[in-house]
Amino acid sequence: MTTHQAAVSIPVGQAFSAIGRTFGTVVDGLRAQWRAHRTRAELEALDPRMLRDIGIDFSDVLVLNTHGTDALFTTRQRVIHRLERR
C-alpha cells in the first residue's frame, strides 16, 4: 500500500460530466444577467413617450434598474391593490 492512495475513486467520465454541468450552470447564469442588462439598457434608451406607447412607465424602468423584475411585479401588484381599494 502506498501513502498516496486516493480515499475516494471517482470515474473520470463522471468527474468531467460534473464539471461540465457546473460550467453550464455558470454560463447560463451569466447569459441571463447579460440579457437582463441589455434589456434594461434598451429600455433606458427609449424616451418616455415610446415607453408609454408600449405600455411601460418610466418609473418601471427605474424600479427594474434598482431592484430587478421581482420588485417590478411587486410594485405593480401593490398599485393594483390600492386602486381596487378605492
C-alpha atoms as a PDB file:
ATOM      1  CA  MET A   1       0.000   0.000   0.000  1.00  0.00           C
ATOM      2  CA  THR A   2       1.329   3.426  -0.928  1.00  0.00           C
ATOM      3  CA  THR A   3       0.959   6.604   1.102  1.00  0.00           C
ATOM      4  CA  HIS A   4      -0.583   8.475  -1.852  1.00  0.00           C
ATOM      5  CA  GLN A   5      -3.655   6.347  -2.392  1.00  0.00           C
ATOM      6  CA  ALA A   6      -6.889   8.222  -3.091  1.00  0.00           C
ATOM      7  CA  ALA A   7      -9.540   7.872  -0.402  1.00  0.00           C
ATOM      8  CA  VAL A   8     -12.368   8.034  -2.935  1.00  0.00           C
ATOM      9  CA  SER A   9     -12.241   6.890  -6.506  1.00  0.00           C
ATOM     10  CA  ILE A  10     -14.444   8.797  -8.960  1.00  0.00           C
ATOM     11  CA  PRO A  11     -14.580   7.649 -12.583  1.00  0.00           C
ATOM     12  CA  VAL A  12     -13.113  10.222 -14.932  1.00  0.00           C
ATOM     13  CA  GLY A  13     -16.288  10.375 -17.031  1.00  0.00           C
ATOM     14  CA  GLN A  14     -18.401  11.311 -14.017  1.00  0.00           C
ATOM     15  CA  ALA A  15     -15.912  13.962 -12.956  1.00  0.00           C
ATOM     16  CA  PHE A  16     -15.913  15.600 -16.392  1.00  0.00           C
ATOM     17  CA  SER A  17     -19.695  15.399 -16.510  1.00  0.00           C
ATOM     18  CA  ALA A  18     -19.980  17.172 -13.145  1.00  0.00           C
ATOM     19  CA  ILE A  19     -17.521  19.853 -14.260  1.00  0.00           C
ATOM     20  CA  GLY A  20     -19.482  20.316 -17.494  1.00  0.00           C
ATOM     21  CA  ARG A  21     -22.779  20.717 -15.616  1.00  0.00           C
ATOM     22  CA  THR A  22     -21.250  23.251 -13.237  1.00  0.00           C
ATOM     23  CA  PHE A  23     -19.717  25.209 -16.103  1.00  0.00           C
ATOM     24  CA  GLY A  24     -23.040  25.142 -17.959  1.00  0.00           C
ATOM     25  CA  THR A  25     -24.874  26.470 -14.914  1.00  0.00           C
ATOM     26  CA  VAL A  26     -22.397  29.331 -14.530  1.00  0.00           C
ATOM     27  CA  VAL A  27     -22.582  30.207 -18.237  1.00  0.00           C
ATOM     28  CA  ASP A  28     -26.406  30.115 -18.175  1.00  0.00           C
ATOM     29  CA  GLY A  29     -26.426  32.496 -15.203  1.00  0.00           C
ATOM     30  CA  LEU A  30     -24.037  34.892 -16.921  1.00  0.00           C
ATOM     31  CA  ARG A  31     -26.090  34.751 -20.113  1.00  0.00           C
ATOM     32  CA  ALA A  32     -29.281  35.593 -18.190  1.00  0.00           C
ATOM     33  CA  GLN A  33     -27.577  38.531 -16.463  1.00  0.00           C
ATOM     34  CA  TRP A  34     -26.279  39.803 -19.808  1.00  0.00           C
ATOM     35  CA  ARG A  35     -29.767  39.592 -21.358  1.00  0.00           C
ATOM     36  CA  ALA A  36     -31.298  41.450 -18.414  1.00  0.00           C
ATOM     37  CA  HIS A  37     -28.622  44.155 -18.601  1.00  0.00           C
ATOM     38  CA  ARG A  38     -29.118  44.546 -22.360  1.00  0.00           C
ATOM     39  CA  THR A  39     -32.909  44.773 -21.962  1.00  0.00           C
ATOM     40  CA  ARG A  40     -32.616  47.429 -19.247  1.00  0.00           C
ATOM     41  CA  ALA A  41     -30.149  49.409 -21.374  1.00  0.00           C
ATOM     42  CA  GLU A  42     -32.510  49.293 -24.361  1.00  0.00           C
ATOM     43  CA  LEU A  43     -35.465  50.433 -22.228  1.00  0.00           C
ATOM     44  CA  GLU A  44     -33.419  53.292 -20.756  1.00  0.00           C
ATOM     45  CA  ALA A  45     -32.562  54.452 -24.274  1.00  0.00           C
ATOM     46  CA  LEU A  46     -36.255  54.948 -25.123  1.00  0.00           C
ATOM     47  CA  ASP A  47     -37.951  58.244 -24.393  1.00  0.00           C
ATOM     48  CA  PRO A  48     -40.962  58.303 -22.020  1.00  0.00           C
ATOM     49  CA  ARG A  49     -43.386  58.677 -24.920  1.00  0.00           C
ATOM     50  CA  MET A  50     -42.148  55.500 -26.622  1.00  0.00           C
ATOM     51  CA  LEU A  51     -42.242  53.636 -23.305  1.00  0.00           C
ATOM     52  CA  ARG A  52     -45.846  54.747 -22.795  1.00  0.00           C
ATOM     53  CA  ASP A  53     -46.704  53.519 -26.304  1.00  0.00           C
ATOM     54  CA  ILE A  54     -45.515  50.012 -25.432  1.00  0.00           C
ATOM     55  CA  GLY A  55     -47.245  50.073 -22.031  1.00  0.00           C
ATOM     56  CA  ILE A  56     -44.283  50.718 -19.747  1.00  0.00           C
ATOM     57  CA  ASP A  57     -43.976  53.664 -17.405  1.00  0.00           C
ATOM     58  CA  PHE A  58     -40.573  55.313 -16.969  1.00  0.00           C
ATOM     59  CA  SER A  59     -40.770  54.571 -13.240  1.00  0.00           C
ATOM     60  CA  ASP A  60     -40.913  50.859 -14.139  1.00  0.00           C
ATOM     61  CA  VAL A  61     -37.504  51.182 -15.791  1.00  0.00           C
ATOM     62  CA  LEU A  62     -36.131  52.835 -12.668  1.00  0.00           C
ATOM     63  CA  VAL A  63     -37.504  50.035 -10.469  1.00  0.00           C
ATOM     64  CA  LEU A  64     -36.034  47.437 -12.834  1.00  0.00           C
ATOM     65  CA  ASN A  65     -32.604  49.030 -12.615  1.00  0.00           C
ATOM     66  CA  THR A  66     -32.703  49.344  -8.860  1.00  0.00           C
ATOM     67  CA  HIS A  67     -34.442  46.168  -7.710  1.00  0.00           C
ATOM     68  CA  GLY A  68     -34.939  43.786 -10.640  1.00  0.00           C
ATOM     69  CA  THR A  69     -38.010  42.165 -12.141  1.00  0.00           C
ATOM     70  CA  ASP A  70     -39.388  40.763  -8.864  1.00  0.00           C
ATOM     71  CA  ALA A  71     -39.664  44.260  -7.411  1.00  0.00           C
ATOM     72  CA  LEU A  72     -41.404  45.491 -10.567  1.00  0.00           C
ATOM     73  CA  PHE A  73     -44.053  42.778 -10.241  1.00  0.00           C
ATOM     74  CA  THR A  74     -44.483  43.517  -6.519  1.00  0.00           C
ATOM     75  CA  THR A  75     -44.785  47.257  -7.185  1.00  0.00           C
ATOM     76  CA  ARG A  76     -47.455  46.712  -9.839  1.00  0.00           C
ATOM     77  CA  GLN A  77     -49.408  44.384  -7.562  1.00  0.00           C
ATOM     78  CA  ARG A  78     -49.283  46.990  -4.785  1.00  0.00           C
ATOM     79  CA  VAL A  79     -50.593  49.690  -7.142  1.00  0.00           C
ATOM     80  CA  ILE A  80     -53.377  47.435  -8.420  1.00  0.00           C
ATOM     81  CA  HIS A  81     -54.369  46.602  -4.844  1.00  0.00           C
ATOM     82  CA  ARG A  82     -54.529  50.313  -3.933  1.00  0.00           C
ATOM     83  CA  LEU A  83     -56.655  51.086  -6.979  1.00  0.00           C
ATOM     84  CA  GLU A  84     -59.053  48.246  -6.153  1.00  0.00           C
ATOM     85  CA  ARG A  85     -59.499  49.528  -2.585  1.00  0.00           C
ATOM     86  CA  ARG A  86     -60.708  52.951  -3.807  1.00  0.00           C
END
